[in-house]
């Protein structure tokens, strides 16, 4: 994987979607803004998640990725973020199988940022 190429494509996509507009006070019409947000390489973080089907059976991949990203790049620690996900999947198994069965639930996360 070429991390720089992935970041470049993500940035192109993000910056293409950013379209701020201003409202002209006199006419009430919207006009393109010259001060729209522009994302930089520092705004894009790349990480990998490996999870067992016991986790993926009860949590969608995008929810896992969002929760892990929060753990990696905010105040919450990655360990706590992973524990949250494991507990959520375990609760799903408990409710679905009434405690008679639970598949293995494991998750591994790594930050792929190379400085």
Protein backbone atom coordinates (compact mmCIF):
# COMPACT_ATOMS: atom_id res chain seq x y z
CA UNK A 1 0.00 0.00 0.00
CA UNK A 2 1.19 3.45 -0.83
CA UNK A 3 0.02 5.55 2.14
CA UNK A 4 0.88 8.83 0.42
CA UNK A 5 -1.19 7.88 -2.64
CA UNK A 6 -4.15 6.88 -0.43
CA UNK A 7 -3.94 10.21 1.42
CA UNK A 8 -3.75 12.08 -1.89
CA UNK A 9 -6.94 10.41 -3.17
CA UNK A 10 -8.78 10.99 0.11
CA UNK A 11 -7.77 14.66 0.09
CA UNK A 12 -8.90 15.09 -3.51
CA UNK A 13 -12.26 13.59 -2.60
CA UNK A 14 -12.68 15.64 0.58
CA UNK A 15 -11.67 18.91 -1.00
CA UNK A 16 -13.90 18.32 -4.03
CA UNK A 17 -16.91 17.94 -1.69
CA UNK A 18 -16.19 21.11 0.29
CA UNK A 19 -18.28 23.87 -1.24
CA UNK A 20 -19.06 26.73 1.08
CA UNK A 21 -21.46 29.40 -0.02
CA UNK A 22 -22.30 32.84 1.26
CA UNK A 23 -25.65 34.56 1.05
CA UNK A 24 -25.65 37.94 -0.66
CA UNK A 25 -27.42 40.27 1.78
CA UNK A 26 -28.89 42.44 -0.96
CA UNK A 27 -30.26 39.77 -3.27
CA UNK A 28 -30.56 36.78 -0.94
CA UNK A 29 -28.81 34.62 -3.53
CA UNK A 30 -26.04 32.19 -2.68
CA UNK A 31 -22.58 32.85 -4.06
CA UNK A 32 -19.43 30.69 -3.82
CA UNK A 33 -17.29 31.54 -0.82
CA UNK A 34 -13.60 32.29 -1.12
CA UNK A 35 -12.96 31.08 2.42
CA UNK A 36 -14.02 27.41 2.19
CA UNK A 37 -12.22 24.81 4.28
CA UNK A 38 -9.33 23.07 2.59
CA UNK A 39 -8.16 19.78 4.08
CA UNK A 40 -4.45 19.00 4.29
CA UNK A 41 -2.42 15.83 4.73
CA UNK A 42 -2.47 16.35 8.50
CA UNK A 43 -6.28 16.00 8.44
CA UNK A 44 -6.17 12.49 6.98
CA UNK A 45 -5.23 9.57 9.24
CA UNK A 46 -4.69 6.03 7.99
CA UNK A 47 -5.16 2.97 10.20
CA UNK A 48 -5.91 -0.74 9.78
CA UNK A 49 -8.41 -2.84 11.67
CA UNK A 50 -8.50 -6.62 11.82
CA UNK A 51 -11.59 -8.10 13.46
CA UNK A 52 -13.14 -11.54 13.79
CA UNK A 53 -16.57 -12.39 12.46
CA UNK A 54 -17.83 -12.49 16.06
CA UNK A 55 -17.46 -8.70 16.06
CA UNK A 56 -18.54 -8.12 12.47
CA UNK A 57 -21.70 -10.19 12.90
CA UNK A 58 -23.11 -7.52 15.22
CA UNK A 59 -21.39 -4.26 14.27
CA UNK A 60 -21.16 -2.72 10.79
CA UNK A 61 -17.65 -2.06 9.46
CA UNK A 62 -18.21 1.71 9.16
CA UNK A 63 -19.27 1.90 12.83
CA UNK A 64 -16.16 -0.03 13.86
CA UNK A 65 -13.94 2.28 11.80
CA UNK A 66 -15.58 5.42 13.20
CA UNK A 67 -15.26 4.22 16.79
CA UNK A 68 -11.61 3.16 16.32
CA UNK A 69 -10.76 6.49 14.67
CA UNK A 70 -12.22 8.28 17.67
CA UNK A 71 -10.04 6.17 19.94
CA UNK A 72 -6.88 6.72 17.92
CA UNK A 73 -7.17 10.42 17.26
CA UNK A 74 -9.06 11.95 20.19
CA UNK A 75 -9.04 11.83 23.97
CA UNK A 76 -10.25 8.22 24.22
CA UNK A 77 -7.56 5.53 24.06
CA UNK A 78 -7.55 2.83 21.36
CA UNK A 79 -7.81 0.13 24.04
CA UNK A 80 -11.01 1.62 25.46
CA UNK A 81 -12.45 2.03 21.96
CA UNK A 82 -11.79 -1.66 21.22
CA UNK A 83 -13.24 -2.72 24.57
CA UNK A 84 -16.43 -0.77 23.78
CA UNK A 85 -16.76 -2.62 20.49
CA UNK A 86 -16.15 -6.03 22.07
CA UNK A 87 -18.76 -5.35 24.76
CA UNK A 88 -21.28 -4.19 22.16
CA UNK A 89 -20.81 -7.35 20.07
CA UNK A 90 -20.95 -9.55 23.19
CA UNK A 91 -24.27 -7.92 24.10
CA UNK A 92 -25.55 -8.70 20.61
CA UNK A 93 -24.58 -12.36 20.98
CA UNK A 94 -26.13 -12.50 24.46
CA UNK A 95 -29.46 -11.09 23.26
CA UNK A 96 -29.54 -13.15 20.08
CA UNK A 97 -28.51 -16.52 21.56
CA UNK A 98 -29.82 -16.06 25.13
CA UNK A 99 -26.36 -16.84 26.50
CA UNK A 100 -26.19 -20.32 24.92
CA UNK A 101 -23.49 -19.42 22.40
CA UNK A 102 -21.03 -16.67 21.61
CA UNK A 103 -18.51 -16.67 18.81
CA UNK A 104 -14.98 -15.40 19.41
CA UNK A 105 -14.76 -11.61 19.43
CA UNK A 106 -11.38 -10.05 18.75
CA UNK A 107 -10.07 -6.83 17.25
CA UNK A 108 -6.62 -5.54 16.43
CA UNK A 109 -5.83 -1.97 15.39
CA UNK A 110 -2.67 -0.36 14.08
CA UNK A 111 -1.91 3.21 13.14
CA UNK A 112 -0.29 3.24 9.70
CA UNK A 113 1.05 6.78 9.95
CA UNK A 114 4.72 6.84 9.04
CA UNK A 115 6.55 9.94 10.16
